[in-house]
């Protein structure tokens, strides 16, 4: 699977939120 982080406001791909990214790393 490939999932994308997307803004719920405009539908654009965005970086993961900082705390989420830190935990994923």
PDBML (XML) file of the C-alpha atoms, coordinates in Angstrom:
<?xml version="1.0" encoding="UTF-8" ?>
<PDBx:datablock datablockName="MODEL"
   xmlns:PDBx="http://pdbml.pdb.org/schema/pdbx-v50.xsd"
   xmlns:xsi="http://www.w3.org/2001/XMLSchema-instance"
   xsi:schemaLocation="http://pdbml.pdb.org/schema/pdbx-v50.xsd pdbx-v50.xsd">
   <PDBx:atom_siteCategory>
      <PDBx:atom_site id="1">
         <PDBx:B_iso_or_equiv>0.00</PDBx:B_iso_or_equiv>
         <PDBx:Cartn_x>0.000</PDBx:Cartn_x>
         <PDBx:Cartn_y>0.000</PDBx:Cartn_y>
         <PDBx:Cartn_z>0.000</PDBx:Cartn_z>
         <PDBx:auth_asym_id>A</PDBx:auth_asym_id>
         <PDBx:auth_atom_id>CA</PDBx:auth_atom_id>
         <PDBx:auth_comp_id>UNK</PDBx:auth_comp_id>
         <PDBx:auth_seq_id>1</PDBx:auth_seq_id>
         <PDBx:group_PDB>ATOM</PDBx:group_PDB>
         <PDBx:label_alt_id xsi:nil="true" />
         <PDBx:label_asym_id>A</PDBx:label_asym_id>
         <PDBx:label_atom_id>CA</PDBx:label_atom_id>
         <PDBx:label_comp_id>UNK</PDBx:label_comp_id>
         <PDBx:label_entity_id>1</PDBx:label_entity_id>
         <PDBx:label_seq_id>1</PDBx:label_seq_id>
         <PDBx:occupancy>1.00</PDBx:occupancy>
         <PDBx:pdbx_PDB_model_num>1</PDBx:pdbx_PDB_model_num>
         <PDBx:type_symbol>C</PDBx:type_symbol>
      </PDBx:atom_site>
      <PDBx:atom_site id="2">
         <PDBx:B_iso_or_equiv>0.00</PDBx:B_iso_or_equiv>
         <PDBx:Cartn_x>0.961</PDBx:Cartn_x>
         <PDBx:Cartn_y>3.607</PDBx:Cartn_y>
         <PDBx:Cartn_z>-0.549</PDBx:Cartn_z>
         <PDBx:auth_asym_id>A</PDBx:auth_asym_id>
         <PDBx:auth_atom_id>CA</PDBx:auth_atom_id>
         <PDBx:auth_comp_id>UNK</PDBx:auth_comp_id>
         <PDBx:auth_seq_id>2</PDBx:auth_seq_id>
         <PDBx:group_PDB>ATOM</PDBx:group_PDB>
         <PDBx:label_alt_id xsi:nil="true" />
         <PDBx:label_asym_id>A</PDBx:label_asym_id>
         <PDBx:label_atom_id>CA</PDBx:label_atom_id>
         <PDBx:label_comp_id>UNK</PDBx:label_comp_id>
         <PDBx:label_entity_id>1</PDBx:label_entity_id>
         <PDBx:label_seq_id>2</PDBx:label_seq_id>
         <PDBx:occupancy>1.00</PDBx:occupancy>
         <PDBx:pdbx_PDB_model_num>1</PDBx:pdbx_PDB_model_num>
         <PDBx:type_symbol>C</PDBx:type_symbol>
      </PDBx:atom_site>
      <PDBx:atom_site id="3">
         <PDBx:B_iso_or_equiv>0.00</PDBx:B_iso_or_equiv>
         <PDBx:Cartn_x>-0.921</PDBx:Cartn_x>
         <PDBx:Cartn_y>6.203</PDBx:Cartn_y>
         <PDBx:Cartn_z>1.448</PDBx:Cartn_z>
         <PDBx:auth_asym_id>A</PDBx:auth_asym_id>
         <PDBx:auth_atom_id>CA</PDBx:auth_atom_id>
         <PDBx:auth_comp_id>UNK</PDBx:auth_comp_id>
         <PDBx:auth_seq_id>3</PDBx:auth_seq_id>
         <PDBx:group_PDB>ATOM</PDBx:group_PDB>
         <PDBx:label_alt_id xsi:nil="true" />
         <PDBx:label_asym_id>A</PDBx:label_asym_id>
         <PDBx:label_atom_id>CA</PDBx:label_atom_id>
         <PDBx:label_comp_id>UNK</PDBx:label_comp_id>
         <PDBx:label_entity_id>1</PDBx:label_entity_id>
         <PDBx:label_seq_id>3</PDBx:label_seq_id>
         <PDBx:occupancy>1.00</PDBx:occupancy>
         <PDBx:pdbx_PDB_model_num>1</PDBx:pdbx_PDB_model_num>
         <PDBx:type_symbol>C</PDBx:type_symbol>
      </PDBx:atom_site>
      <PDBx:atom_site id="4">
         <PDBx:B_iso_or_equiv>0.00</PDBx:B_iso_or_equiv>
         <PDBx:Cartn_x>-0.631</PDBx:Cartn_x>
         <PDBx:Cartn_y>9.955</PDBx:Cartn_y>
         <PDBx:Cartn_z>1.139</PDBx:Cartn_z>
         <PDBx:auth_asym_id>A</PDBx:auth_asym_id>
         <PDBx:auth_atom_id>CA</PDBx:auth_atom_id>
         <PDBx:auth_comp_id>UNK</PDBx:auth_comp_id>
         <PDBx:auth_seq_id>4</PDBx:auth_seq_id>
         <PDBx:group_PDB>ATOM</PDBx:group_PDB>
         <PDBx:label_alt_id xsi:nil="true" />
         <PDBx:label_asym_id>A</PDBx:label_asym_id>
         <PDBx:label_atom_id>CA</PDBx:label_atom_id>
         <PDBx:label_comp_id>UNK</PDBx:label_comp_id>
         <PDBx:label_entity_id>1</PDBx:label_entity_id>
         <PDBx:label_seq_id>4</PDBx:label_seq_id>
         <PDBx:occupancy>1.00</PDBx:occupancy>
         <PDBx:pdbx_PDB_model_num>1</PDBx:pdbx_PDB_model_num>
         <PDBx:type_symbol>C</PDBx:type_symbol>
      </PDBx:atom_site>
      <PDBx:atom_site id="5">
         <PDBx:B_iso_or_equiv>0.00</PDBx:B_iso_or_equiv>
         <PDBx:Cartn_x>-1.024</PDBx:Cartn_x>
         <PDBx:Cartn_y>12.698</PDBx:Cartn_y>
         <PDBx:Cartn_z>3.717</PDBx:Cartn_z>
         <PDBx:auth_asym_id>A</PDBx:auth_asym_id>
         <PDBx:auth_atom_id>CA</PDBx:auth_atom_id>
         <PDBx:auth_comp_id>UNK</PDBx:auth_comp_id>
         <PDBx:auth_seq_id>5</PDBx:auth_seq_id>
         <PDBx:group_PDB>ATOM</PDBx:group_PDB>
         <PDBx:label_alt_id xsi:nil="true" />
         <PDBx:label_asym_id>A</PDBx:label_asym_id>
         <PDBx:label_atom_id>CA</PDBx:label_atom_id>
         <PDBx:label_comp_id>UNK</PDBx:label_comp_id>
         <PDBx:label_entity_id>1</PDBx:label_entity_id>
         <PDBx:label_seq_id>5</PDBx:label_seq_id>
         <PDBx:occupancy>1.00</PDBx:occupancy>
         <PDBx:pdbx_PDB_model_num>1</PDBx:pdbx_PDB_model_num>
         <PDBx:type_symbol>C</PDBx:type_symbol>
      </PDBx:atom_site>
      <PDBx:atom_site id="6">
         <PDBx:B_iso_or_equiv>0.00</PDBx:B_iso_or_equiv>
         <PDBx:Cartn_x>-3.517</PDBx:Cartn_x>
         <PDBx:Cartn_y>15.161</PDBx:Cartn_y>
         <PDBx:Cartn_z>2.255</PDBx:Cartn_z>
         <PDBx:auth_asym_id>A</PDBx:auth_asym_id>
         <PDBx:auth_atom_id>CA</PDBx:auth_atom_id>
         <PDBx:auth_comp_id>UNK</PDBx:auth_comp_id>
         <PDBx:auth_seq_id>6</PDBx:auth_seq_id>
         <PDBx:group_PDB>ATOM</PDBx:group_PDB>
         <PDBx:label_alt_id xsi:nil="true" />
         <PDBx:label_asym_id>A</PDBx:label_asym_id>
         <PDBx:label_atom_id>CA</PDBx:label_atom_id>
         <PDBx:label_comp_id>UNK</PDBx:label_comp_id>
         <PDBx:label_entity_id>1</PDBx:label_entity_id>
         <PDBx:label_seq_id>6</PDBx:label_seq_id>
         <PDBx:occupancy>1.00</PDBx:occupancy>
         <PDBx:pdbx_PDB_model_num>1</PDBx:pdbx_PDB_model_num>
         <PDBx:type_symbol>C</PDBx:type_symbol>
      </PDBx:atom_site>
      <PDBx:atom_site id="7">
         <PDBx:B_iso_or_equiv>0.00</PDBx:B_iso_or_equiv>
         <PDBx:Cartn_x>-4.922</PDBx:Cartn_x>
         <PDBx:Cartn_y>18.469</PDBx:Cartn_y>
         <PDBx:Cartn_z>3.466</PDBx:Cartn_z>
         <PDBx:auth_asym_id>A</PDBx:auth_asym_id>
         <PDBx:auth_atom_id>CA</PDBx:auth_atom_id>
         <PDBx:auth_comp_id>UNK</PDBx:auth_comp_id>
         <PDBx:auth_seq_id>7</PDBx:auth_seq_id>
         <PDBx:group_PDB>ATOM</PDBx:group_PDB>
         <PDBx:label_alt_id xsi:nil="true" />
         <PDBx:label_asym_id>A</PDBx:label_asym_id>
         <PDBx:label_atom_id>CA</PDBx:label_atom_id>
         <PDBx:label_comp_id>UNK</PDBx:label_comp_id>
         <PDBx:label_entity_id>1</PDBx:label_entity_id>
         <PDBx:label_seq_id>7</PDBx:label_seq_id>
         <PDBx:occupancy>1.00</PDBx:occupancy>
         <PDBx:pdbx_PDB_model_num>1</PDBx:pdbx_PDB_model_num>
         <PDBx:type_symbol>C</PDBx:type_symbol>
      </PDBx:atom_site>
      <PDBx:atom_site id="8">
         <PDBx:B_iso_or_equiv>0.00</PDBx:B_iso_or_equiv>
         <PDBx:Cartn_x>-8.606</PDBx:Cartn_x>
         <PDBx:Cartn_y>18.041</PDBx:Cartn_y>
         <PDBx:Cartn_z>4.258</PDBx:Cartn_z>
         <PDBx:auth_asym_id>A</PDBx:auth_asym_id>
         <PDBx:auth_atom_id>CA</PDBx:auth_atom_id>
         <PDBx:auth_comp_id>UNK</PDBx:auth_comp_id>
         <PDBx:auth_seq_id>8</PDBx:auth_seq_id>
         <PDBx:group_PDB>ATOM</PDBx:group_PDB>
         <PDBx:label_alt_id xsi:nil="true" />
         <PDBx:label_asym_id>A</PDBx:label_asym_id>
         <PDBx:label_atom_id>CA</PDBx:label_atom_id>
         <PDBx:label_comp_id>UNK</PDBx:label_comp_id>
         <PDBx:label_entity_id>1</PDBx:label_entity_id>
         <PDBx:label_seq_id>8</PDBx:label_seq_id>
         <PDBx:occupancy>1.00</PDBx:occupancy>
         <PDBx:pdbx_PDB_model_num>1</PDBx:pdbx_PDB_model_num>
         <PDBx:type_symbol>C</PDBx:type_symbol>
      </PDBx:atom_site>
      <PDBx:atom_site id="9">
         <PDBx:B_iso_or_equiv>0.00</PDBx:B_iso_or_equiv>
         <PDBx:Cartn_x>-9.078</PDBx:Cartn_x>
         <PDBx:Cartn_y>21.682</PDBx:Cartn_y>
         <PDBx:Cartn_z>3.322</PDBx:Cartn_z>
         <PDBx:auth_asym_id>A</PDBx:auth_asym_id>
         <PDBx:auth_atom_id>CA</PDBx:auth_atom_id>
         <PDBx:auth_comp_id>UNK</PDBx:auth_comp_id>
         <PDBx:auth_seq_id>9</PDBx:auth_seq_id>
         <PDBx:group_PDB>ATOM</PDBx:group_PDB>
         <PDBx:label_alt_id xsi:nil="true" />
         <PDBx:label_asym_id>A</PDBx:label_asym_id>
         <PDBx:label_atom_id>CA</PDBx:label_atom_id>
         <PDBx:label_comp_id>UNK</PDBx:label_comp_id>
         <PDBx:label_entity_id>1</PDBx:label_entity_id>
         <PDBx:label_seq_id>9</PDBx:label_seq_id>
         <PDBx:occupancy>1.00</PDBx:occupancy>
         <PDBx:pdbx_PDB_model_num>1</PDBx:pdbx_PDB_model_num>
         <PDBx:type_symbol>C</PDBx:type_symbol>
      </PDBx:atom_site>
      <PDBx:atom_site id="10">
         <PDBx:B_iso_or_equiv>0.00</PDBx:B_iso_or_equiv>
         <PDBx:Cartn_x>-7.745</PDBx:Cartn_x>
         <PDBx:Cartn_y>21.758</PDBx:Cartn_y>
         <PDBx:Cartn_z>-0.241</PDBx:Cartn_z>
         <PDBx:auth_asym_id>A</PDBx:auth_asym_id>
         <PDBx:auth_atom_id>CA</PDBx:auth_atom_id>
         <PDBx:auth_comp_id>UNK</PDBx:auth_comp_id>
         <PDBx:auth_seq_id>10</PDBx:auth_seq_id>
         <PDBx:group_PDB>ATOM</PDBx:group_PDB>
         <PDBx:label_alt_id xsi:nil="true" />
         <PDBx:label_asym_id>A</PDBx:label_asym_id>
         <PDBx:label_atom_id>CA</PDBx:label_atom_id>
         <PDBx:label_comp_id>UNK</PDBx:label_comp_id>
         <PDBx:label_entity_id>1</PDBx:label_entity_id>
         <PDBx:label_seq_id>10</PDBx:label_seq_id>
         <PDBx:occupancy>1.00</PDBx:occupancy>
         <PDBx:pdbx_PDB_model_num>1</PDBx:pdbx_PDB_model_num>
         <PDBx:type_symbol>C</PDBx:type_symbol>
      </PDBx:atom_site>
      <PDBx:atom_site id="11">
         <PDBx:B_iso_or_equiv>0.00</PDBx:B_iso_or_equiv>
         <PDBx:Cartn_x>-6.890</PDBx:Cartn_x>
         <PDBx:Cartn_y>18.142</PDBx:Cartn_y>
         <PDBx:Cartn_z>-1.119</PDBx:Cartn_z>
         <PDBx:auth_asym_id>A</PDBx:auth_asym_id>
         <PDBx:auth_atom_id>CA</PDBx:auth_atom_id>
         <PDBx:auth_comp_id>UNK</PDBx:auth_comp_id>
         <PDBx:auth_seq_id>11</PDBx:auth_seq_id>
         <PDBx:group_PDB>ATOM</PDBx:group_PDB>
         <PDBx:label_alt_id xsi:nil="true" />
         <PDBx:label_asym_id>A</PDBx:label_asym_id>
         <PDBx:label_atom_id>CA</PDBx:label_atom_id>
         <PDBx:label_comp_id>UNK</PDBx:label_comp_id>
         <PDBx:label_entity_id>1</PDBx:label_entity_id>
         <PDBx:label_seq_id>11</PDBx:label_seq_id>
         <PDBx:occupancy>1.00</PDBx:occupancy>
         <PDBx:pdbx_PDB_model_num>1</PDBx:pdbx_PDB_model_num>
         <PDBx:type_symbol>C</PDBx:type_symbol>
      </PDBx:atom_site>
      <PDBx:atom_site id="12">
         <PDBx:B_iso_or_equiv>0.00</PDBx:B_iso_or_equiv>
         <PDBx:Cartn_x>-3.187</PDBx:Cartn_x>
         <PDBx:Cartn_y>18.789</PDBx:Cartn_y>
         <PDBx:Cartn_z>-1.694</PDBx:Cartn_z>
         <PDBx:auth_asym_id>A</PDBx:auth_asym_id>
         <PDBx:auth_atom_id>CA</PDBx:auth_atom_id>
         <PDBx:auth_comp_id>UNK</PDBx:auth_comp_id>
         <PDBx:auth_seq_id>12</PDBx:auth_seq_id>
         <PDBx:group_PDB>ATOM</PDBx:group_PDB>
         <PDBx:label_alt_id xsi:nil="true" />
         <PDBx:label_asym_id>A</PDBx:label_asym_id>
         <PDBx:label_atom_id>CA</PDBx:label_atom_id>
         <PDBx:label_comp_id>UNK</PDBx:label_comp_id>
         <PDBx:label_entity_id>1</PDBx:label_entity_id>
         <PDBx:label_seq_id>12</PDBx:label_seq_id>
         <PDBx:occupancy>1.00</PDBx:occupancy>
         <PDBx:pdbx_PDB_model_num>1</PDBx:pdbx_PDB_model_num>
         <PDBx:type_symbol>C</PDBx:type_symbol>
      </PDBx:atom_site>
      <PDBx:atom_site id="13">
         <PDBx:B_iso_or_equiv>0.00</PDBx:B_iso_or_equiv>
         <PDBx:Cartn_x>-0.501</PDBx:Cartn_x>
         <PDBx:Cartn_y>16.367</PDBx:Cartn_y>
         <PDBx:Cartn_z>-0.583</PDBx:Cartn_z>
         <PDBx:auth_asym_id>A</PDBx:auth_asym_id>
         <PDBx:auth_atom_id>CA</PDBx:auth_atom_id>
         <PDBx:auth_comp_id>UNK</PDBx:auth_comp_id>
         <PDBx:auth_seq_id>13</PDBx:auth_seq_id>
         <PDBx:group_PDB>ATOM</PDBx:group_PDB>
         <PDBx:label_alt_id xsi:nil="true" />
         <PDBx:label_asym_id>A</PDBx:label_asym_id>
         <PDBx:label_atom_id>CA</PDBx:label_atom_id>
         <PDBx:label_comp_id>UNK</PDBx:label_comp_id>
         <PDBx:label_entity_id>1</PDBx:label_entity_id>
         <PDBx:label_seq_id>13</PDBx:label_seq_id>
         <PDBx:occupancy>1.00</PDBx:occupancy>
         <PDBx:pdbx_PDB_model_num>1</PDBx:pdbx_PDB_model_num>
         <PDBx:type_symbol>C</PDBx:type_symbol>
      </PDBx:atom_site>
      <PDBx:atom_site id="14">
         <PDBx:B_iso_or_equiv>0.00</PDBx:B_iso_or_equiv>
         <PDBx:Cartn_x>1.234</PDBx:Cartn_x>
         <PDBx:Cartn_y>17.639</PDBx:Cartn_y>
         <PDBx:Cartn_z>2.558</PDBx:Cartn_z>
         <PDBx:auth_asym_id>A</PDBx:auth_asym_id>
         <PDBx:auth_atom_id>CA</PDBx:auth_atom_id>
         <PDBx:auth_comp_id>UNK</PDBx:auth_comp_id>
         <PDBx:auth_seq_id>14</PDBx:auth_seq_id>
         <PDBx:group_PDB>ATOM</PDBx:group_PDB>
         <PDBx:label_alt_id xsi:nil="true" />
         <PDBx:label_asym_id>A</PDBx:label_asym_id>
         <PDBx:label_atom_id>CA</PDBx:label_atom_id>
         <PDBx:label_comp_id>UNK</PDBx:label_comp_id>
         <PDBx:label_entity_id>1</PDBx:label_entity_id>
         <PDBx:label_seq_id>14</PDBx:label_seq_id>
         <PDBx:occupancy>1.00</PDBx:occupancy>
         <PDBx:pdbx_PDB_model_num>1</PDBx:pdbx_PDB_model_num>
         <PDBx:type_symbol>C</PDBx:type_symbol>
      </PDBx:atom_site>
      <PDBx:atom_site id="15">
         <PDBx:B_iso_or_equiv>0.00</PDBx:B_iso_or_equiv>
         <PDBx:Cartn_x>4.001</PDBx:Cartn_x>
         <PDBx:Cartn_y>16.523</PDBx:Cartn_y>
         <PDBx:Cartn_z>4.882</PDBx:Cartn_z>
         <PDBx:auth_asym_id>A</PDBx:auth_asym_id>
         <PDBx:auth_atom_id>CA</PDBx:auth_atom_id>
         <PDBx:auth_comp_id>UNK</PDBx:auth_comp_id>
         <PDBx:auth_seq_id>15</PDBx:auth_seq_id>
         <PDBx:group_PDB>ATOM</PDBx:group_PDB>
         <PDBx:label_alt_id xsi:nil="true" />
         <PDBx:label_asym_id>A</PDBx:label_asym_id>
         <PDBx:label_atom_id>CA</PDBx:label_atom_id>
         <PDBx:label_comp_id>UNK</PDBx:label_comp_id>
         <PDBx:label_entity_id>1</PDBx:label_entity_id>
         <PDBx:label_seq_id>15</PDBx:label_seq_id>
         <PDBx:occupancy>1.00</PDBx:occupancy>
         <PDBx:pdbx_PDB_model_num>1</PDBx:pdbx_PDB_model_num>
         <PDBx:type_symbol>C</PDBx:type_symbol>
      </PDBx:atom_site>
      <PDBx:atom_site id="16">
         <PDBx:B_iso_or_equiv>0.00</PDBx:B_iso_or_equiv>
         <PDBx:Cartn_x>2.831</PDBx:Cartn_x>
         <PDBx:Cartn_y>14.481</PDBx:Cartn_y>
         <PDBx:Cartn_z>7.869</PDBx:Cartn_z>
         <PDBx:auth_asym_id>A</PDBx:auth_asym_id>
         <PDBx:auth_atom_id>CA</PDBx:auth_atom_id>
         <PDBx:auth_comp_id>UNK</PDBx:auth_comp_id>
         <PDBx:auth_seq_id>16</PDBx:auth_seq_id>
         <PDBx:group_PDB>ATOM</PDBx:group_PDB>
         <PDBx:label_alt_id xsi:nil="true" />
         <PDBx:label_asym_id>A</PDBx:label_asym_id>
         <PDBx:label_atom_id>CA</PDBx:label_atom_id>
         <PDBx:label_comp_id>UNK</PDBx:label_comp_id>
         <PDBx:label_entity_id>1</PDBx:label_entity_id>
         <PDBx:label_seq_id>16</PDBx:label_seq_id>
         <PDBx:occupancy>1.00</PDBx:occupancy>
         <PDBx:pdbx_PDB_model_num>1</PDBx:pdbx_PDB_model_num>
         <PDBx:type_symbol>C</PDBx:type_symbol>
      </PDBx:atom_site>
      <PDBx:atom_site id="17">
         <PDBx:B_iso_or_equiv>0.00</PDBx:B_iso_or_equiv>
         <PDBx:Cartn_x>2.203</PDBx:Cartn_x>
         <PDBx:Cartn_y>16.544</PDBx:Cartn_y>
         <PDBx:Cartn_z>11.015</PDBx:Cartn_z>
         <PDBx:auth_asym_id>A</PDBx:auth_asym_id>
         <PDBx:auth_atom_id>CA</PDBx:auth_atom_id>
         <PDBx:auth_comp_id>UNK</PDBx:auth_comp_id>
         <PDBx:auth_seq_id>17</PDBx:auth_seq_id>
         <PDBx:group_PDB>ATOM</PDBx:group_PDB>
         <PDBx:label_alt_id xsi:nil="true" />
         <PDBx:label_asym_id>A</PDBx:label_asym_id>
         <PDBx:label_atom_id>CA</PDBx:label_atom_id>
         <PDBx:label_comp_id>UNK</PDBx:label_comp_id>
         <PDBx:label_entity_id>1</PDBx:label_entity_id>
         <PDBx:label_seq_id>17</PDBx:label_seq_id>
         <PDBx:occupancy>1.00</PDBx:occupancy>
         <PDBx:pdbx_PDB_model_num>1</PDBx:pdbx_PDB_model_num>
         <PDBx:type_symbol>C</PDBx:type_symbol>
      </PDBx:atom_site>
      <PDBx:atom_site id="18">
         <PDBx:B_iso_or_equiv>0.00</PDBx:B_iso_or_equiv>
         <PDBx:Cartn_x>5.460</PDBx:Cartn_x>
         <PDBx:Cartn_y>16.895</PDBx:Cartn_y>
         <PDBx:Cartn_z>12.996</PDBx:Cartn_z>
         <PDBx:auth_asym_id>A</PDBx:auth_asym_id>
         <PDBx:auth_atom_id>CA</PDBx:auth_atom_id>
         <PDBx:auth_comp_id>UNK</PDBx:auth_comp_id>
         <PDBx:auth_seq_id>18</PDBx:auth_seq_id>
         <PDBx:group_PDB>ATOM</PDBx:group_PDB>
         <PDBx:label_alt_id xsi:nil="true" />
         <PDBx:label_asym_id>A</PDBx:label_asym_id>
         <PDBx:label_atom_id>CA</PDBx:label_atom_id>
         <PDBx:label_comp_id>UNK</PDBx:label_comp_id>
         <PDBx:label_entity_id>1</PDBx:label_entity_id>
         <PDBx:label_seq_id>18</PDBx:label_seq_id>
         <PDBx:occupancy>1.00</PDBx:occupancy>
         <PDBx:pdbx_PDB_model_num>1</PDBx:pdbx_PDB_model_num>
         <PDBx:type_symbol>C</PDBx:type_symbol>
      </PDBx:atom_site>
      <PDBx:atom_site id="19">
         <PDBx:B_iso_or_equiv>0.00</PDBx:B_iso_or_equiv>
         <PDBx:Cartn_x>4.466</PDBx:Cartn_x>
         <PDBx:Cartn_y>14.648</PDBx:Cartn_y>
         <PDBx:Cartn_z>15.944</PDBx:Cartn_z>
         <PDBx:auth_asym_id>A</PDBx:auth_asym_id>
         <PDBx:auth_atom_id>CA</PDBx:auth_atom_id>
         <PDBx:auth_comp_id>UNK</PDBx:auth_comp_id>
         <PDBx:auth_seq_id>19</PDBx:auth_seq_id>
         <PDBx:group_PDB>ATOM</PDBx:group_PDB>
         <PDBx:label_alt_id xsi:nil="true" />
         <PDBx:label_asym_id>A</PDBx:label_asym_id>
         <PDBx:label_atom_id>CA</PDBx:label_atom_id>
         <PDBx:label_comp_id>UNK</PDBx:label_comp_id>
         <PDBx:label_entity_id>1</PDBx:label_entity_id>
         <PDBx:label_seq_id>19</PDBx:label_seq_id>
         <PDBx:occupancy>1.00</PDBx:occupancy>
         <PDBx:pdbx_PDB_model_num>1</PDBx:pdbx_PDB_model_num>
         <PDBx:type_symbol>C</PDBx:type_symbol>
      </PDBx:atom_site>
      <PDBx:atom_site id="20">
         <PDBx:B_iso_or_equiv>0.00</PDBx:B_iso_or_equiv>
         <PDBx:Cartn_x>3.165</PDBx:Cartn_x>
         <PDBx:Cartn_y>11.985</PDBx:Cartn_y>
         <PDBx:Cartn_z>13.550</PDBx:Cartn_z>
         <PDBx:auth_asym_id>A</PDBx:auth_asym_id>
         <PDBx:auth_atom_id>CA</PDBx:auth_atom_id>
         <PDBx:auth_comp_id>UNK</PDBx:auth_comp_id>
         <PDBx:auth_seq_id>20</PDBx:auth_seq_id>
         <PDBx:group_PDB>ATOM</PDBx:group_PDB>
         <PDBx:label_alt_id xsi:nil="true" />
         <PDBx:label_asym_id>A</PDBx:label_asym_id>
         <PDBx:label_atom_id>CA</PDBx:label_atom_id>
         <PDBx:label_comp_id>UNK</PDBx:label_comp_id>
         <PDBx:label_entity_id>1</PDBx:label_entity_id>
         <PDBx:label_seq_id>20</PDBx:label_seq_id>
         <PDBx:occupancy>1.00</PDBx:occupancy>
         <PDBx:pdbx_PDB_model_num>1</PDBx:pdbx_PDB_model_num>
         <PDBx:type_symbol>C</PDBx:type_symbol>
      </PDBx:atom_site>
      <PDBx:atom_site id="21">
         <PDBx:B_iso_or_equiv>0.00</PDBx:B_iso_or_equiv>
         <PDBx:Cartn_x>6.350</PDBx:Cartn_x>
         <PDBx:Cartn_y>12.110</PDBx:Cartn_y>
         <PDBx:Cartn_z>11.486</PDBx:Cartn_z>
         <PDBx:auth_asym_id>A</PDBx:auth_asym_id>
         <PDBx:auth_atom_id>CA</PDBx:auth_atom_id>
         <PDBx:auth_comp_id>UNK</PDBx:auth_comp_id>
         <PDBx:auth_seq_id>21</PDBx:auth_seq_id>
         <PDBx:group_PDB>ATOM</PDBx:group_PDB>
         <PDBx:label_alt_id xsi:nil="true" />
         <PDBx:label_asym_id>A</PDBx:label_asym_id>
         <PDBx:label_atom_id>CA</PDBx:label_atom_id>
         <PDBx:label_comp_id>UNK</PDBx:label_comp_id>
         <PDBx:label_entity_id>1</PDBx:label_entity_id>
         <PDBx:label_seq_id>21</PDBx:label_seq_id>
         <PDBx:occupancy>1.00</PDBx:occupancy>
         <PDBx:pdbx_PDB_model_num>1</PDBx:pdbx_PDB_model_num>
         <PDBx:type_symbol>C</PDBx:type_symbol>
      </PDBx:atom_site>
      <PDBx:atom_site id="22">
         <PDBx:B_iso_or_equiv>0.00</PDBx:B_iso_or_equiv>
         <PDBx:Cartn_x>8.517</PDBx:Cartn_x>
         <PDBx:Cartn_y>11.871</PDBx:Cartn_y>
         <PDBx:Cartn_z>14.618</PDBx:Cartn_z>
         <PDBx:auth_asym_id>A</PDBx:auth_asym_id>
         <PDBx:auth_atom_id>CA</PDBx:auth_atom_id>
         <PDBx:auth_comp_id>UNK</PDBx:auth_comp_id>
         <PDBx:auth_seq_id>22</PDBx:auth_seq_id>
         <PDBx:group_PDB>ATOM</PDBx:group_PDB>
         <PDBx:label_alt_id xsi:nil="true" />
         <PDBx:label_asym_id>A</PDBx:label_asym_id>
         <PDBx:label_atom_id>CA</PDBx:label_atom_id>
         <PDBx:label_comp_id>UNK</PDBx:label_comp_id>
         <PDBx:label_entity_id>1</PDBx:label_entity_id>
         <PDBx:label_seq_id>22</PDBx:label_seq_id>
         <PDBx:occupancy>1.00</PDBx:occupancy>
         <PDBx:pdbx_PDB_model_num>1</PDBx:pdbx_PDB_model_num>
         <PDBx:type_symbol>C</PDBx:type_symbol>
      </PDBx:atom_site>
      <PDBx:atom_site id="23">
         <PDBx:B_iso_or_equiv>0.00</PDBx:B_iso_or_equiv>
         <PDBx:Cartn_x>6.646</PDBx:Cartn_x>
         <PDBx:Cartn_y>8.765</PDBx:Cartn_y>
         <PDBx:Cartn_z>15.795</PDBx:Cartn_z>
         <PDBx:auth_asym_id>A</PDBx:auth_asym_id>
         <PDBx:auth_atom_id>CA</PDBx:auth_atom_id>
         <PDBx:auth_comp_id>UNK</PDBx:auth_comp_id>
         <PDBx:auth_seq_id>23</PDBx:auth_seq_id>
         <PDBx:group_PDB>ATOM</PDBx:group_PDB>
         <PDBx:label_alt_id xsi:nil="true" />
         <PDBx:label_asym_id>A</PDBx:label_asym_id>
         <PDBx:label_atom_id>CA</PDBx:label_atom_id>
         <PDBx:label_comp_id>UNK</PDBx:label_comp_id>
         <PDBx:label_entity_id>1</PDBx:label_entity_id>
         <PDBx:label_seq_id>23</PDBx:label_seq_id>
         <PDBx:occupancy>1.00</PDBx:occupancy>
         <PDBx:pdbx_PDB_model_num>1</PDBx:pdbx_PDB_model_num>
         <PDBx:type_symbol>C</PDBx:type_symbol>
      </PDBx:atom_site>
      <PDBx:atom_site id="24">
         <PDBx:B_iso_or_equiv>0.00</PDBx:B_iso_or_equiv>
         <PDBx:Cartn_x>6.778</PDBx:Cartn_x>
         <PDBx:Cartn_y>7.142</PDBx:Cartn_y>
         <PDBx:Cartn_z>12.344</PDBx:Cartn_z>
         <PDBx:auth_asym_id>A</PDBx:auth_asym_id>
         <PDBx:auth_atom_id>CA</PDBx:auth_atom_id>
         <PDBx:auth_comp_id>UNK</PDBx:auth_comp_id>
         <PDBx:auth_seq_id>24</PDBx:auth_seq_id>
         <PDBx:group_PDB>ATOM</PDBx:group_PDB>
         <PDBx:label_alt_id xsi:nil="true" />
         <PDBx:label_asym_id>A</PDBx:label_asym_id>
         <PDBx:label_atom_id>CA</PDBx:label_atom_id>
         <PDBx:label_comp_id>UNK</PDBx:label_comp_id>
         <PDBx:label_entity_id>1</PDBx:label_entity_id>
         <PDBx:label_seq_id>24</PDBx:label_seq_id>
         <PDBx:occupancy>1.00</PDBx:occupancy>
         <PDBx:pdbx_PDB_model_num>1</PDBx:pdbx_PDB_model_num>
         <PDBx:type_symbol>C</PDBx:type_symbol>
      </PDBx:atom_site>
      <PDBx:atom_site id="25">
         <PDBx:B_iso_or_equiv>0.00</PDBx:B_iso_or_equiv>
         <PDBx:Cartn_x>10.534</PDBx:Cartn_x>
         <PDBx:Cartn_y>7.713</PDBx:Cartn_y>
         <PDBx:Cartn_z>12.190</PDBx:Cartn_z>
         <PDBx:auth_asym_id>A</PDBx:auth_asym_id>
         <PDBx:auth_atom_id>CA</PDBx:auth_atom_id>
         <PDBx:auth_comp_id>UNK</PDBx:auth_comp_id>
         <PDBx:auth_seq_id>25</PDBx:auth_seq_id>
         <PDBx:group_PDB>ATOM</PDBx:group_PDB>
         <PDBx:label_alt_id xsi:nil="true" />
         <PDBx:label_asym_id>A</PDBx:label_asym_id>
         <PDBx:label_atom_id>CA</PDBx:label_atom_id>
         <PDBx:label_comp_id>UNK</PDBx:label_comp_id>
         <PDBx:label_entity_id>1</PDBx:label_entity_id>
         <PDBx:label_seq_id>25</PDBx:label_seq_id>
         <PDBx:occupancy>1.00</PDBx:occupancy>
         <PDBx:pdbx_PDB_model_num>1</PDBx:pdbx_PDB_model_num>
         <PDBx:type_symbol>C</PDBx:type_symbol>
      </PDBx:atom_site>
   </PDBx:atom_siteCategory>
</PDBx:datablock>
